[in-house]
Amino acid sequence: MLEGKAVVRESDMPMEMQSRVMELAYQALDLHEVSDCQSIARYIKQKFDEAYGTSWHCVVGKDFGCCISHLCGTFIFFHVEMMEFLIFKDGKDLNETKEEAIGVMHKNPEN
């Protein structure tokens, strides 16, 4: 497990979601060897898919480049010590609103 504090490099995610993904990163680091980046990424992706709907992507590693497209409000890039985390949701259904896409629609209490 890495003991360092998570440092956000860039994000457009709501703060609640940012906190959740960093919590999941620490859980994944507790459950898996630091060198097992694929299992760490799979754990975070599965938890986010369950909580916020499918089409989440997670990249974990010490040195990687990327060029991505993502839905507004679904991107975070942070690191814990030397381990970097990139999490985002792709825009497969462009007819969804941002709220529908990230799974934060609230039901009307009258229904």
PDB file of N, CA and C in Angstrom:
ATOM      1  N   MET A   1       0.844  -1.192   0.000  1.00  0.00           N
ATOM      2  CA  MET A   1       0.000   0.000   0.000  1.00  0.00           C
ATOM      3  C   MET A   1       0.876   1.236   0.000  1.00  0.00           C
ATOM      4  N   LEU A   2       0.452   2.214  -0.777  1.00  0.00           N
ATOM      5  CA  LEU A   2       1.116   3.506  -0.771  1.00  0.00           C
ATOM      6  C   LEU A   2       0.475   4.354   0.317  1.00  0.00           C
ATOM      7  N   GLU A   3       1.293   5.077   1.039  1.00  0.00           N
ATOM      8  CA  GLU A   3       0.797   5.845   2.184  1.00  0.00           C
ATOM      9  C   GLU A   3       0.588   7.324   1.885  1.00  0.00           C
ATOM     10  N   GLY A   4       1.033   7.783   0.727  1.00  0.00           N
ATOM     11  CA  GLY A   4       0.976   9.207   0.420  1.00  0.00           C
ATOM     12  C   GLY A   4      -0.433   9.723   0.215  1.00  0.00           C
ATOM     13  N   LYS A   5      -0.537  11.041   0.232  1.00  0.00           N
ATOM     14  CA  LYS A   5      -1.815  11.709   0.018  1.00  0.00           C
ATOM     15  C   LYS A   5      -2.091  11.806  -1.481  1.00  0.00           C
ATOM     16  N   ALA A   6      -3.352  11.600  -1.862  1.00  0.00           N
ATOM     17  CA  ALA A   6      -3.743  11.759  -3.260  1.00  0.00           C
ATOM     18  C   ALA A   6      -3.675  13.231  -3.641  1.00  0.00           C
ATOM     19  N   VAL A   7      -3.068  13.513  -4.785  1.00  0.00           N
ATOM     20  CA  VAL A   7      -2.937  14.878  -5.283  1.00  0.00           C
ATOM     21  C   VAL A   7      -3.589  14.938  -6.666  1.00  0.00           C
ATOM     22  N   VAL A   8      -4.619  15.745  -6.784  1.00  0.00           N
ATOM     23  CA  VAL A   8      -5.323  15.897  -8.053  1.00  0.00           C
ATOM     24  C   VAL A   8      -4.513  16.811  -8.960  1.00  0.00           C
ATOM     25  N   ARG A   9      -4.224  16.310 -10.156  1.00  0.00           N
ATOM     26  CA  ARG A   9      -3.518  17.130 -11.138  1.00  0.00           C
ATOM     27  C   ARG A   9      -4.496  17.901 -12.005  1.00  0.00           C
ATOM     28  N   GLU A  10      -5.610  17.228 -12.379  1.00  0.00           N
ATOM     29  CA  GLU A  10      -6.631  17.884 -13.184  1.00  0.00           C
ATOM     30  C   GLU A  10      -7.936  17.115 -13.028  1.00  0.00           C
ATOM     31  N   SER A  11      -9.046  17.850 -12.991  1.00  0.00           N
ATOM     32  CA  SER A  11     -10.341  17.196 -12.867  1.00  0.00           C
ATOM     33  C   SER A  11     -11.462  18.152 -13.237  1.00  0.00           C
ATOM     34  N   ASP A  12     -12.532  17.587 -13.777  1.00  0.00           N
ATOM     35  CA  ASP A  12     -13.769  18.350 -13.940  1.00  0.00           C
ATOM     36  C   ASP A  12     -14.930  17.617 -13.259  1.00  0.00           C
ATOM     37  N   MET A  13     -14.592  16.631 -12.433  1.00  0.00           N
ATOM     38  CA  MET A  13     -15.581  15.852 -11.680  1.00  0.00           C
ATOM     39  C   MET A  13     -16.116  16.646 -10.499  1.00  0.00           C
ATOM     40  N   PRO A  14     -17.376  16.392 -10.123  1.00  0.00           N
ATOM     41  CA  PRO A  14     -17.877  16.981  -8.873  1.00  0.00           C
ATOM     42  C   PRO A  14     -17.027  16.498  -7.692  1.00  0.00           C
ATOM     43  N   MET A  15     -16.920  17.323  -6.673  1.00  0.00           N
ATOM     44  CA  MET A  15     -16.059  17.002  -5.518  1.00  0.00           C
ATOM     45  C   MET A  15     -16.440  15.685  -4.850  1.00  0.00           C
ATOM     46  N   GLU A  16     -17.722  15.390  -4.739  1.00  0.00           N
ATOM     47  CA  GLU A  16     -18.169  14.139  -4.122  1.00  0.00           C
ATOM     48  C   GLU A  16     -17.635  12.926  -4.895  1.00  0.00           C
ATOM     49  N   MET A  17     -17.684  13.018  -6.206  1.00  0.00           N
ATOM     50  CA  MET A  17     -17.178  11.941  -7.057  1.00  0.00           C
ATOM     51  C   MET A  17     -15.655  11.826  -6.936  1.00  0.00           C
ATOM     52  N   GLN A  18     -14.972  12.962  -6.877  1.00  0.00           N
ATOM     53  CA  GLN A  18     -13.516  12.949  -6.704  1.00  0.00           C
ATOM     54  C   GLN A  18     -13.148  12.238  -5.405  1.00  0.00           C
ATOM     55  N   SER A  19     -13.838  12.565  -4.342  1.00  0.00           N
ATOM     56  CA  SER A  19     -13.562  11.922  -3.054  1.00  0.00           C
ATOM     57  C   SER A  19     -13.787  10.419  -3.137  1.00  0.00           C
ATOM     58  N   ARG A  20     -14.874  10.027  -3.811  1.00  0.00           N
ATOM     59  CA  ARG A  20     -15.189   8.596  -3.934  1.00  0.00           C
ATOM     60  C   ARG A  20     -14.114   7.851  -4.719  1.00  0.00           C
ATOM     61  N   VAL A  21     -13.656   8.418  -5.827  1.00  0.00           N
ATOM     62  CA  VAL A  21     -12.670   7.707  -6.640  1.00  0.00           C
ATOM     63  C   VAL A  21     -11.329   7.604  -5.913  1.00  0.00           C
ATOM     64  N   MET A  22     -10.980   8.621  -5.142  1.00  0.00           N
ATOM     65  CA  MET A  22      -9.725   8.540  -4.384  1.00  0.00           C
ATOM     66  C   MET A  22      -9.840   7.518  -3.254  1.00  0.00           C
ATOM     67  N   GLU A  23     -11.015   7.431  -2.631  1.00  0.00           N
ATOM     68  CA  GLU A  23     -11.270   6.403  -1.623  1.00  0.00           C
ATOM     69  C   GLU A  23     -11.138   5.010  -2.242  1.00  0.00           C
ATOM     70  N   LEU A  24     -11.691   4.829  -3.437  1.00  0.00           N
ATOM     71  CA  LEU A  24     -11.590   3.542  -4.138  1.00  0.00           C
ATOM     72  C   LEU A  24     -10.145   3.222  -4.499  1.00  0.00           C
ATOM     73  N   ALA A  25      -9.372   4.234  -4.866  1.00  0.00           N
ATOM     74  CA  ALA A  25      -7.964   4.011  -5.190  1.00  0.00           C
ATOM     75  C   ALA A  25      -7.222   3.468  -3.970  1.00  0.00           C
ATOM     76  N   TYR A  26      -7.473   4.057  -2.801  1.00  0.00           N
ATOM     77  CA  TYR A  26      -6.835   3.558  -1.580  1.00  0.00           C
ATOM     78  C   TYR A  26      -7.285   2.139  -1.256  1.00  0.00           C
ATOM     79  N   GLN A  27      -8.575   1.845  -1.455  1.00  0.00           N
ATOM     80  CA  GLN A  27      -9.061   0.485  -1.220  1.00  0.00           C
ATOM     81  C   GLN A  27      -8.365  -0.497  -2.157  1.00  0.00           C
ATOM     82  N   ALA A  28      -8.264  -0.127  -3.428  1.00  0.00           N
ATOM     83  CA  ALA A  28      -7.619  -0.998  -4.420  1.00  0.00           C
ATOM     84  C   ALA A  28      -6.149  -1.228  -4.072  1.00  0.00           C
ATOM     85  N   LEU A  29      -5.489  -0.189  -3.607  1.00  0.00           N
ATOM     86  CA  LEU A  29      -4.081  -0.332  -3.216  1.00  0.00           C
ATOM     87  C   LEU A  29      -3.924  -1.231  -1.992  1.00  0.00           C
ATOM     88  N   ASP A  30      -4.928  -1.238  -1.118  1.00  0.00           N
ATOM     89  CA  ASP A  30      -4.909  -2.146   0.039  1.00  0.00           C
ATOM     90  C   ASP A  30      -5.131  -3.594  -0.381  1.00  0.00           C
ATOM     91  N   LEU A  31      -5.982  -3.796  -1.389  1.00  0.00           N
ATOM     92  CA  LEU A  31      -6.357  -5.148  -1.810  1.00  0.00           C
ATOM     93  C   LEU A  31      -5.365  -5.810  -2.754  1.00  0.00           C
ATOM     94  N   HIS A  32      -4.616  -5.013  -3.507  1.00  0.00           N
ATOM     95  CA  HIS A  32      -3.751  -5.544  -4.567  1.00  0.00           C
ATOM     96  C   HIS A  32      -2.315  -5.058  -4.388  1.00  0.00           C
ATOM     97  N   GLU A  33      -1.400  -5.814  -4.944  1.00  0.00           N
ATOM     98  CA  GLU A  33       0.002  -5.402  -4.964  1.00  0.00           C
ATOM     99  C   GLU A  33       0.119  -4.114  -5.779  1.00  0.00           C
ATOM    100  N   VAL A  34       0.989  -3.225  -5.353  1.00  0.00           N
ATOM    101  CA  VAL A  34       1.179  -1.950  -6.055  1.00  0.00           C
ATOM    102  C   VAL A  34       1.594  -2.194  -7.507  1.00  0.00           C
ATOM    103  N   SER A  35       2.298  -3.269  -7.762  1.00  0.00           N
ATOM    104  CA  SER A  35       2.755  -3.584  -9.118  1.00  0.00           C
ATOM    105  C   SER A  35       1.642  -4.140 -10.009  1.00  0.00           C
ATOM    106  N   ASP A  36       0.497  -4.509  -9.435  1.00  0.00           N
ATOM    107  CA  ASP A  36      -0.607  -5.106 -10.197  1.00  0.00           C
ATOM    108  C   ASP A  36      -1.576  -4.006 -10.648  1.00  0.00           C
ATOM    109  N   CYS A  37      -1.106  -3.166 -11.564  1.00  0.00           N
ATOM    110  CA  CYS A  37      -1.888  -2.016 -12.022  1.00  0.00           C
ATOM    111  C   CYS A  37      -3.204  -2.430 -12.671  1.00  0.00           C
ATOM    112  N   GLN A  38      -3.215  -3.551 -13.373  1.00  0.00           N
ATOM    113  CA  GLN A  38      -4.441  -3.990 -14.046  1.00  0.00           C
ATOM    114  C   GLN A  38      -5.546  -4.312 -13.035  1.00  0.00           C
ATOM    115  N   SER A  39      -5.207  -5.010 -11.963  1.00  0.00           N
ATOM    116  CA  SER A  39      -6.210  -5.339 -10.941  1.00  0.00           C
ATOM    117  C   SER A  39      -6.687  -4.093 -10.206  1.00  0.00           C
ATOM    118  N   ILE A  40      -5.790  -3.157  -9.959  1.00  0.00           N
ATOM    119  CA  ILE A  40      -6.158  -1.897  -9.308  1.00  0.00           C
ATOM    120  C   ILE A  40      -7.136  -1.136 -10.196  1.00  0.00           C
ATOM    121  N   ALA A  41      -6.823  -1.030 -11.486  1.00  0.00           N
ATOM    122  CA  ALA A  41      -7.690  -0.325 -12.430  1.00  0.00           C
ATOM    123  C   ALA A  41      -9.040  -1.028 -12.557  1.00  0.00           C
ATOM    124  N   ARG A  42      -9.042  -2.351 -12.647  1.00  0.00           N
ATOM    125  CA  ARG A  42     -10.282  -3.115 -12.766  1.00  0.00           C
ATOM    126  C   ARG A  42     -11.190  -2.870 -11.557  1.00  0.00           C
ATOM    127  N   TYR A  43     -10.612  -2.866 -10.363  1.00  0.00           N
ATOM    128  CA  TYR A  43     -11.379  -2.649  -9.136  1.00  0.00           C
ATOM    129  C   TYR A  43     -12.082  -1.287  -9.173  1.00  0.00           C
ATOM    130  N   ILE A  44     -11.342  -0.243  -9.503  1.00  0.00           N
ATOM    131  CA  ILE A  44     -11.906   1.112  -9.540  1.00  0.00           C
ATOM    132  C   ILE A  44     -12.981   1.210 -10.619  1.00  0.00           C
ATOM    133  N   LYS A  45     -12.695   0.684 -11.805  1.00  0.00           N
ATOM    134  CA  LYS A  45     -13.657   0.726 -12.910  1.00  0.00           C
ATOM    135  C   LYS A  45     -14.951   0.018 -12.542  1.00  0.00           C
ATOM    136  N   GLN A  46     -14.851  -1.183 -11.971  1.00  0.00           N
ATOM    137  CA  GLN A  46     -16.056  -1.936 -11.622  1.00  0.00           C
ATOM    138  C   GLN A  46     -16.897  -1.193 -10.588  1.00  0.00           C
ATOM    139  N   LYS A  47     -16.253  -0.605  -9.590  1.00  0.00           N
ATOM    140  CA  LYS A  47     -16.984   0.135  -8.561  1.00  0.00           C
ATOM    141  C   LYS A  47     -17.661   1.376  -9.151  1.00  0.00           C
ATOM    142  N   PHE A  48     -16.991   2.063 -10.071  1.00  0.00           N
ATOM    143  CA  PHE A  48     -17.592   3.239 -10.688  1.00  0.00           C
ATOM    144  C   PHE A  48     -18.718   2.845 -11.633  1.00  0.00           C
ATOM    145  N   ASP A  49     -18.557   1.748 -12.379  1.00  0.00           N
ATOM    146  CA  ASP A  49     -19.636   1.257 -13.234  1.00  0.00           C
ATOM    147  C   ASP A  49     -20.878   0.942 -12.399  1.00  0.00           C
ATOM    148  N   GLU A  50     -20.687   0.324 -11.247  1.00  0.00           N
ATOM    149  CA  GLU A  50     -21.808  -0.018 -10.368  1.00  0.00           C
ATOM    150  C   GLU A  50     -22.488   1.247  -9.819  1.00  0.00           C
ATOM    151  N   ALA A  51     -21.704   2.214  -9.436  1.00  0.00           N
ATOM    152  CA  ALA A  51     -22.244   3.415  -8.795  1.00  0.00           C
ATOM    153  C   ALA A  51     -22.811   4.437  -9.785  1.00  0.00           C
ATOM    154  N   TYR A  52     -22.177   4.572 -10.954  1.00  0.00           N
ATOM    155  CA  TYR A  52     -22.523   5.670 -11.858  1.00  0.00           C
ATOM    156  C   TYR A  52     -22.866   5.225 -13.280  1.00  0.00           C
ATOM    157  N   GLY A  53     -23.144   3.942 -13.484  1.00  0.00           N
ATOM    158  CA  GLY A  53     -23.458   3.443 -14.818  1.00  0.00           C
ATOM    159  C   GLY A  53     -22.209   3.062 -15.587  1.00  0.00           C
ATOM    160  N   THR A  54     -22.405   2.351 -16.686  1.00  0.00           N
ATOM    161  CA  THR A  54     -21.274   1.795 -17.433  1.00  0.00           C
ATOM    162  C   THR A  54     -20.533   2.838 -18.268  1.00  0.00           C
ATOM    163  N   SER A  55     -19.498   2.378 -18.922  1.00  0.00           N
ATOM    164  CA  SER A  55     -18.641   3.149 -19.842  1.00  0.00           C
ATOM    165  C   SER A  55     -17.546   3.944 -19.148  1.00  0.00           C
ATOM    166  N   TRP A  56     -17.194   3.580 -17.900  1.00  0.00           N
ATOM    167  CA  TRP A  56     -16.058   4.200 -17.221  1.00  0.00           C
ATOM    168  C   TRP A  56     -14.773   3.523 -17.653  1.00  0.00           C
ATOM    169  N   HIS A  57     -13.713   4.287 -17.665  1.00  0.00           N
ATOM    170  CA  HIS A  57     -12.384   3.783 -18.004  1.00  0.00           C
ATOM    171  C   HIS A  57     -11.426   4.197 -16.903  1.00  0.00           C
ATOM    172  N   CYS A  58     -10.469   3.314 -16.626  1.00  0.00           N
ATOM    173  CA  CYS A  58      -9.496   3.594 -15.577  1.00  0.00           C
ATOM    174  C   CYS A  58      -8.126   3.136 -16.039  1.00  0.00           C
ATOM    175  N   VAL A  59      -7.162   4.025 -15.962  1.00  0.00           N
ATOM    176  CA  VAL A  59      -5.779   3.729 -16.313  1.00  0.00           C
ATOM    177  C   VAL A  59      -4.948   3.988 -15.067  1.00  0.00           C
ATOM    178  N   VAL A  60      -4.117   3.017 -14.701  1.00  0.00           N
ATOM    179  CA  VAL A  60      -3.279   3.125 -13.511  1.00  0.00           C
ATOM    180  C   VAL A  60      -1.858   2.759 -13.891  1.00  0.00           C
ATOM    181  N   GLY A  61      -0.887   3.537 -13.456  1.00  0.00           N
ATOM    182  CA  GLY A  61       0.503   3.219 -13.738  1.00  0.00           C
ATOM    183  C   GLY A  61       1.439   4.297 -13.250  1.00  0.00           C
ATOM    184  N   LYS A  62       2.710   4.063 -13.534  1.00  0.00           N
ATOM    185  CA  LYS A  62       3.733   5.003 -13.082  1.00  0.00           C
ATOM    186  C   LYS A  62       4.186   5.959 -14.165  1.00  0.00           C
ATOM    187  N   ASP A  63       3.952   5.616 -15.419  1.00  0.00           N
ATOM    188  CA  ASP A  63       4.410   6.470 -16.513  1.00  0.00           C
ATOM    189  C   ASP A  63       3.643   6.100 -17.771  1.00  0.00           C
ATOM    190  N   PHE A  64       2.702   6.941 -18.156  1.00  0.00           N
ATOM    191  CA  PHE A  64       1.939   6.671 -19.367  1.00  0.00           C
ATOM    192  C   PHE A  64       1.511   7.975 -20.006  1.00  0.00           C
ATOM    193  N   GLY A  65       1.293   7.918 -21.285  1.00  0.00           N
ATOM    194  CA  GLY A  65       0.752   9.050 -22.017  1.00  0.00           C
ATOM    195  C   GLY A  65      -0.652   8.709 -22.456  1.00  0.00           C
ATOM    196  N   CYS A  66      -1.444   9.709 -22.756  1.00  0.00           N
ATOM    197  CA  CYS A  66      -2.802   9.432 -23.207  1.00  0.00           C
ATOM    198  C   CYS A  66      -3.351  10.627 -23.975  1.00  0.00           C
ATOM    199  N   CYS A  67      -4.356  10.338 -24.763  1.00  0.00           N
ATOM    200  CA  CYS A  67      -5.129  11.350 -25.454  1.00  0.00           C
ATOM    201  C   CYS A  67      -6.542  10.802 -25.500  1.00  0.00           C
ATOM    202  N   ILE A  68      -7.474  11.429 -24.792  1.00  0.00           N
ATOM    203  CA  ILE A  68      -8.810  10.872 -24.643  1.00  0.00           C
ATOM    204  C   ILE A  68      -9.886  11.904 -24.927  1.00  0.00           C
ATOM    205  N   SER A  69     -11.084  11.405 -25.153  1.00  0.00           N
ATOM    206  CA  SER A  69     -12.306  12.211 -25.149  1.00  0.00           C
ATOM    207  C   SER A  69     -13.139  11.699 -24.000  1.00  0.00           C
ATOM    208  N   HIS A  70     -13.820  12.603 -23.311  1.00  0.00           N
ATOM    209  CA  HIS A  70     -14.628  12.182 -22.164  1.00  0.00           C
ATOM    210  C   HIS A  70     -15.840  13.086 -22.032  1.00  0.00           C
ATOM    211  N   LEU A  71     -16.830  12.589 -21.321  1.00  0.00           N
ATOM    212  CA  LEU A  71     -17.999  13.402 -21.019  1.00  0.00           C
ATOM    213  C   LEU A  71     -17.632  14.469 -20.003  1.00  0.00           C
ATOM    214  N   CYS A  72     -18.140  15.646 -20.197  1.00  0.00           N
ATOM    215  CA  CYS A  72     -17.909  16.747 -19.269  1.00  0.00           C
ATOM    216  C   CYS A  72     -18.372  16.333 -17.871  1.00  0.00           C
ATOM    217  N   GLY A  73     -17.512  16.569 -16.878  1.00  0.00           N
ATOM    218  CA  GLY A  73     -17.851  16.250 -15.504  1.00  0.00           C
ATOM    219  C   GLY A  73     -17.483  14.843 -15.070  1.00  0.00           C
ATOM    220  N   THR A  74     -16.722  14.135 -15.910  1.00  0.00           N
ATOM    221  CA  THR A  74     -16.405  12.737 -15.593  1.00  0.00           C
ATOM    222  C   THR A  74     -14.911  12.427 -15.631  1.00  0.00           C
ATOM    223  N   PHE A  75     -14.068  13.425 -15.555  1.00  0.00           N
ATOM    224  CA  PHE A  75     -12.626  13.228 -15.723  1.00  0.00           C
ATOM    225  C   PHE A  75     -11.868  13.573 -14.445  1.00  0.00           C
ATOM    226  N   ILE A  76     -10.902  12.700 -14.105  1.00  0.00           N
ATOM    227  CA  ILE A  76      -9.967  13.027 -13.028  1.00  0.00           C
ATOM    228  C   ILE A  76      -8.624  12.369 -13.324  1.00  0.00           C
ATOM    229  N   PHE A  77      -7.567  13.114 -13.048  1.00  0.00           N
ATOM    230  CA  PHE A  77      -6.201  12.609 -13.145  1.00  0.00           C
ATOM    231  C   PHE A  77      -5.509  12.995 -11.846  1.00  0.00           C
ATOM    232  N   PHE A  78      -5.088  11.990 -11.071  1.00  0.00           N
ATOM    233  CA  PHE A  78      -4.439  12.258  -9.795  1.00  0.00           C
ATOM    234  C   PHE A  78      -3.339  11.241  -9.546  1.00  0.00           C
ATOM    235  N   HIS A  79      -2.529  11.508  -8.536  1.00  0.00           N
ATOM    236  CA  HIS A  79      -1.490  10.546  -8.193  1.00  0.00           C
ATOM    237  C   HIS A  79      -1.414  10.369  -6.687  1.00  0.00           C
ATOM    238  N   VAL A  80      -0.968   9.182  -6.309  1.00  0.00           N
ATOM    239  CA  VAL A  80      -0.652   8.846  -4.920  1.00  0.00           C
ATOM    240  C   VAL A  80       0.804   8.399  -4.963  1.00  0.00           C
ATOM    241  N   GLU A  81       1.672   9.205  -4.375  1.00  0.00           N
ATOM    242  CA  GLU A  81       3.121   9.005  -4.499  1.00  0.00           C
ATOM    243  C   GLU A  81       3.457   8.889  -5.973  1.00  0.00           C
ATOM    244  N   MET A  82       4.065   7.771  -6.411  1.00  0.00           N
ATOM    245  CA  MET A  82       4.476   7.676  -7.819  1.00  0.00           C
ATOM    246  C   MET A  82       3.433   7.004  -8.717  1.00  0.00           C
ATOM    247  N   MET A  83       2.307   6.547  -8.150  1.00  0.00           N
ATOM    248  CA  MET A  83       1.267   5.866  -8.925  1.00  0.00           C
ATOM    249  C   MET A  83       0.246   6.889  -9.429  1.00  0.00           C
ATOM    250  N   GLU A  84      -0.009   6.872 -10.747  1.00  0.00           N
ATOM    251  CA  GLU A  84      -0.940   7.814 -11.349  1.00  0.00           C
ATOM    252  C   GLU A  84      -2.246   7.114 -11.710  1.00  0.00           C
ATOM    253  N   PHE A  85      -3.335   7.869 -11.611  1.00  0.00           N
ATOM    254  CA  PHE A  85      -4.677   7.344 -11.869  1.00  0.00           C
ATOM    255  C   PHE A  85      -5.398   8.279 -12.821  1.00  0.00           C
ATOM    256  N   LEU A  86      -5.941   7.714 -13.893  1.00  0.00           N
ATOM    257  CA  LEU A  86      -6.749   8.457 -14.855  1.00  0.00           C
ATOM    258  C   LEU A  86      -8.086   7.747 -14.943  1.00  0.00           C
ATOM    259  N   ILE A  87      -9.161   8.441 -14.596  1.00  0.00           N
ATOM    260  CA  ILE A  87     -10.495   7.855 -14.631  1.00  0.00           C
ATOM    261  C   ILE A  87     -11.389   8.811 -15.408  1.00  0.00           C
ATOM    262  N   PHE A  88     -12.185   8.245 -16.319  1.00  0.00           N
ATOM    263  CA  PHE A  88     -13.096   9.060 -17.117  1.00  0.00           C
ATOM    264  C   PHE A  88     -14.192   8.175 -17.693  1.00  0.00           C
ATOM    265  N   LYS A  89     -15.255   8.823 -18.115  1.00  0.00           N
ATOM    266  CA  LYS A  89     -16.360   8.125 -18.766  1.00  0.00           C
ATOM    267  C   LYS A  89     -16.416   8.592 -20.206  1.00  0.00           C
ATOM    268  N   ASP A  90     -16.535   7.628 -21.121  1.00  0.00           N
ATOM    269  CA  ASP A  90     -16.601   8.046 -22.520  1.00  0.00           C
ATOM    270  C   ASP A  90     -18.042   8.357 -22.897  1.00  0.00           C
ATOM    271  N   GLY A  91     -18.191   9.054 -23.994  1.00  0.00           N
ATOM    272  CA  GLY A  91     -19.504   9.540 -24.407  1.00  0.00           C
ATOM    273  C   GLY A  91     -20.162   8.690 -25.462  1.00  0.00           C
ATOM    274  N   LYS A  92     -20.420   7.435 -25.155  1.00  0.00           N
ATOM    275  CA  LYS A  92     -21.040   6.546 -26.139  1.00  0.00           C
ATOM    276  C   LYS A  92     -22.434   7.016 -26.541  1.00  0.00           C
ATOM    277  N   ASP A  93     -23.244   7.426 -25.578  1.00  0.00           N
ATOM    278  CA  ASP A  93     -24.591   7.894 -25.878  1.00  0.00           C
ATOM    279  C   ASP A  93     -24.620   9.407 -25.761  1.00  0.00           C
ATOM    280  N   LEU A  94     -24.448  10.067 -26.870  1.00  0.00           N
ATOM    281  CA  LEU A  94     -24.367  11.523 -26.857  1.00  0.00           C
ATOM    282  C   LEU A  94     -25.727  12.181 -26.664  1.00  0.00           C
ATOM    283  N   ASN A  95     -26.803  11.377 -26.633  1.00  0.00           N
ATOM    284  CA  ASN A  95     -28.126  11.921 -26.371  1.00  0.00           C
ATOM    285  C   ASN A  95     -28.406  12.061 -24.883  1.00  0.00           C
ATOM    286  N   GLU A  96     -27.593  11.415 -24.044  1.00  0.00           N
ATOM    287  CA  GLU A  96     -27.766  11.531 -22.602  1.00  0.00           C
ATOM    288  C   GLU A  96     -27.345  12.918 -22.140  1.00  0.00           C
ATOM    289  N   THR A  97     -27.997  13.408 -21.118  1.00  0.00           N
ATOM    290  CA  THR A  97     -27.531  14.639 -20.492  1.00  0.00           C
ATOM    291  C   THR A  97     -26.325  14.291 -19.636  1.00  0.00           C
ATOM    292  N   LYS A  98     -25.606  15.308 -19.212  1.00  0.00           N
ATOM    293  CA  LYS A  98     -24.454  15.077 -18.331  1.00  0.00           C
ATOM    294  C   LYS A  98     -24.894  14.341 -17.077  1.00  0.00           C
ATOM    295  N   GLU A  99     -26.017  14.757 -16.490  1.00  0.00           N
ATOM    296  CA  GLU A  99     -26.486  14.140 -15.256  1.00  0.00           C
ATOM    297  C   GLU A  99     -26.854  12.676 -15.472  1.00  0.00           C
ATOM    298  N   GLU A 100     -27.519  12.369 -16.575  1.00  0.00           N
ATOM    299  CA  GLU A 100     -27.858  10.977 -16.878  1.00  0.00           C
ATOM    300  C   GLU A 100     -26.592  10.165 -17.106  1.00  0.00           C
ATOM    301  N   ALA A 101     -25.639  10.736 -17.811  1.00  0.00           N
ATOM    302  CA  ALA A 101     -24.414  10.023 -18.152  1.00  0.00           C
ATOM    303  C   ALA A 101     -23.602   9.658 -16.921  1.00  0.00           C
ATOM    304  N   ILE A 102     -23.565  10.532 -15.916  1.00  0.00           N
ATOM    305  CA  ILE A 102     -22.768  10.216 -14.731  1.00  0.00           C
ATOM    306  C   ILE A 102     -23.617   9.635 -13.611  1.00  0.00           C
ATOM    307  N   GLY A 103     -24.895   9.380 -13.912  1.00  0.00           N
ATOM    308  CA  GLY A 103     -25.738   8.659 -12.972  1.00  0.00           C
ATOM    309  C   GLY A 103     -26.117   9.439 -11.729  1.00  0.00           C
ATOM    310  N   VAL A 104     -26.315  10.732 -11.847  1.00  0.00           N
ATOM    311  CA  VAL A 104     -26.651  11.523 -10.664  1.00  0.00           C
ATOM    312  C   VAL A 104     -28.052  12.126 -10.745  1.00  0.00           C
ATOM    313  N   MET A 105     -28.883  11.591 -11.615  1.00  0.00           N
ATOM    314  CA  MET A 105     -30.257  12.076 -11.688  1.00  0.00           C
ATOM    315  C   MET A 105     -30.986  11.706 -10.404  1.00  0.00           C
ATOM    316  N   HIS A 106     -31.707  12.648  -9.847  1.00  0.00           N
ATOM    317  CA  HIS A 106     -32.492  12.413  -8.644  1.00  0.00           C
ATOM    318  C   HIS A 106     -33.945  12.210  -9.027  1.00  0.00           C
ATOM    319  N   LYS A 107     -34.582  11.212  -8.458  1.00  0.00           N
ATOM    320  CA  LYS A 107     -35.986  10.975  -8.731  1.00  0.00           C
ATOM    321  C   LYS A 107     -36.828  11.996  -7.989  1.00  0.00           C
ATOM    322  N   ASN A 108     -37.918  12.348  -8.609  1.00  0.00           N
ATOM    323  CA  ASN A 108     -38.857  13.268  -7.995  1.00  0.00           C
ATOM    324  C   ASN A 108     -39.467  12.586  -6.768  1.00  0.00           C
ATOM    325  N   PRO A 109     -39.392  13.183  -5.566  1.00  0.00           N
ATOM    326  CA  PRO A 109     -39.906  12.544  -4.357  1.00  0.00           C
ATOM    327  C   PRO A 109     -41.408  12.269  -4.406  1.00  0.00           C
ATOM    328  N   GLU A 110     -42.136  12.945  -5.291  1.00  0.00           N
ATOM    329  CA  GLU A 110     -43.577  12.726  -5.398  1.00  0.00           C
ATOM    330  C   GLU A 110     -43.901  11.440  -6.134  1.00  0.00           C
ATOM    331  N   ASN A 111     -42.969  10.875  -6.869  1.00  0.00           N
ATOM    332  CA  ASN A 111     -43.220   9.635  -7.639  1.00  0.00           C
ATOM    333  C   ASN A 111     -42.957   8.420  -6.820  1.00  0.00           C
TER     334      ASN A 111
END
